[in-house]
N, C-alpha and C. Protein backbone atom coordinates (compact mmCIF):
# COMPACT_ATOMS: atom_id res chain seq x y z
N MET A 1 0.84 -1.21 0.00
CA MET A 1 0.00 0.00 0.00
C MET A 1 0.87 1.25 0.00
N LYS A 2 1.96 1.21 -0.75
CA LYS A 2 2.83 2.39 -0.80
C LYS A 2 2.16 3.54 -1.55
N VAL A 3 1.24 3.21 -2.44
CA VAL A 3 0.56 4.25 -3.21
C VAL A 3 -0.25 5.15 -2.29
N VAL A 4 -0.90 4.55 -1.29
CA VAL A 4 -1.72 5.32 -0.36
C VAL A 4 -0.85 6.28 0.44
N GLN A 5 0.30 5.79 0.91
CA GLN A 5 1.20 6.65 1.67
C GLN A 5 1.72 7.79 0.81
N LEU A 6 2.01 7.49 -0.44
CA LEU A 6 2.50 8.51 -1.36
C LEU A 6 1.43 9.57 -1.59
N LEU A 7 0.17 9.11 -1.74
CA LEU A 7 -0.93 10.06 -1.94
C LEU A 7 -1.12 10.93 -0.71
N GLN A 8 -1.00 10.33 0.48
CA GLN A 8 -1.18 11.11 1.70
C GLN A 8 -0.09 12.17 1.84
N LYS A 9 1.11 11.86 1.38
CA LYS A 9 2.19 12.84 1.46
C LYS A 9 2.03 13.94 0.42
N ALA A 10 1.57 13.56 -0.78
CA ALA A 10 1.50 14.51 -1.89
C ALA A 10 0.18 15.27 -1.93
N TRP A 11 -0.81 14.87 -1.12
CA TRP A 11 -2.14 15.46 -1.21
C TRP A 11 -2.15 16.97 -0.96
N PRO A 12 -1.50 17.49 0.12
CA PRO A 12 -1.52 18.95 0.34
C PRO A 12 -0.87 19.71 -0.81
N GLU A 13 0.23 19.19 -1.33
CA GLU A 13 0.89 19.85 -2.46
C GLU A 13 -0.01 19.85 -3.68
N PHE A 14 -0.74 18.75 -3.89
CA PHE A 14 -1.65 18.66 -5.03
C PHE A 14 -2.78 19.67 -4.90
N ILE A 15 -3.30 19.84 -3.67
CA ILE A 15 -4.38 20.80 -3.44
C ILE A 15 -3.89 22.21 -3.72
N VAL A 16 -2.71 22.55 -3.22
CA VAL A 16 -2.15 23.89 -3.45
C VAL A 16 -1.91 24.11 -4.94
N LEU A 17 -1.36 23.10 -5.61
CA LEU A 17 -1.06 23.23 -7.03
C LEU A 17 -2.33 23.41 -7.85
N SER A 18 -3.35 22.61 -7.56
CA SER A 18 -4.59 22.68 -8.33
C SER A 18 -5.31 24.00 -8.08
N SER A 19 -5.27 24.49 -6.83
CA SER A 19 -5.95 25.76 -6.53
C SER A 19 -5.23 26.92 -7.20
N SER A 20 -3.91 26.88 -7.23
CA SER A 20 -3.16 27.95 -7.89
C SER A 20 -3.38 27.90 -9.40
N MET A 21 -3.47 26.70 -9.96
CA MET A 21 -3.75 26.57 -11.39
C MET A 21 -5.14 27.10 -11.72
N ALA A 22 -6.12 26.80 -10.87
CA ALA A 22 -7.47 27.29 -11.09
C ALA A 22 -7.49 28.81 -11.01
N TYR A 23 -6.75 29.38 -10.06
CA TYR A 23 -6.67 30.83 -9.92
C TYR A 23 -6.06 31.45 -11.17
N LEU A 24 -4.99 30.84 -11.69
CA LEU A 24 -4.36 31.35 -12.90
C LEU A 24 -5.32 31.30 -14.09
N MET A 25 -6.06 30.21 -14.22
CA MET A 25 -7.02 30.08 -15.31
C MET A 25 -8.08 31.17 -15.23
N ILE A 26 -8.58 31.43 -14.01
CA ILE A 26 -9.59 32.47 -13.82
C ILE A 26 -9.02 33.83 -14.21
N ARG A 27 -7.79 34.10 -13.80
CA ARG A 27 -7.15 35.38 -14.14
C ARG A 27 -6.99 35.53 -15.65
N ILE A 28 -6.58 34.47 -16.33
CA ILE A 28 -6.38 34.52 -17.78
C ILE A 28 -7.71 34.77 -18.49
N VAL A 29 -8.75 34.06 -18.09
CA VAL A 29 -10.07 34.23 -18.69
C VAL A 29 -10.58 35.64 -18.43
N ALA A 30 -10.35 36.15 -17.22
CA ALA A 30 -10.79 37.50 -16.88
C ALA A 30 -10.04 38.53 -17.72
N ASN A 31 -8.75 38.31 -17.94
CA ASN A 31 -7.98 39.24 -18.77
C ASN A 31 -8.47 39.23 -20.21
N ILE A 32 -8.80 38.06 -20.71
CA ILE A 32 -9.31 37.95 -22.08
C ILE A 32 -10.66 38.66 -22.19
N ASN A 33 -11.49 38.51 -21.17
CA ASN A 33 -12.82 39.12 -21.18
C ASN A 33 -12.82 40.54 -20.67
N LYS A 34 -11.62 41.07 -20.34
CA LYS A 34 -11.48 42.44 -19.85
C LYS A 34 -12.32 42.67 -18.59
N ILE A 35 -12.26 41.71 -17.68
CA ILE A 35 -12.97 41.84 -16.40
C ILE A 35 -11.94 42.07 -15.31
N ASN A 36 -12.16 43.09 -14.51
CA ASN A 36 -11.24 43.38 -13.41
C ASN A 36 -11.67 42.61 -12.17
N LEU A 37 -10.82 41.68 -11.72
CA LEU A 37 -11.12 40.92 -10.51
C LEU A 37 -10.35 41.52 -9.34
N PRO A 38 -10.96 41.55 -8.17
CA PRO A 38 -10.22 41.97 -6.97
C PRO A 38 -9.13 40.96 -6.65
N THR A 39 -7.96 41.43 -6.38
CA THR A 39 -6.84 40.51 -6.11
C THR A 39 -6.95 39.97 -4.70
């Protein structure tokens, strides 16, 4: 069950990475649509 241990170790990093990626995508879409988002 080494996969489970690996997932438990990498889970917080994955959450941070996915949330930052989602934030970047939102910023890019907002820039394309000329929408000013509060930082």
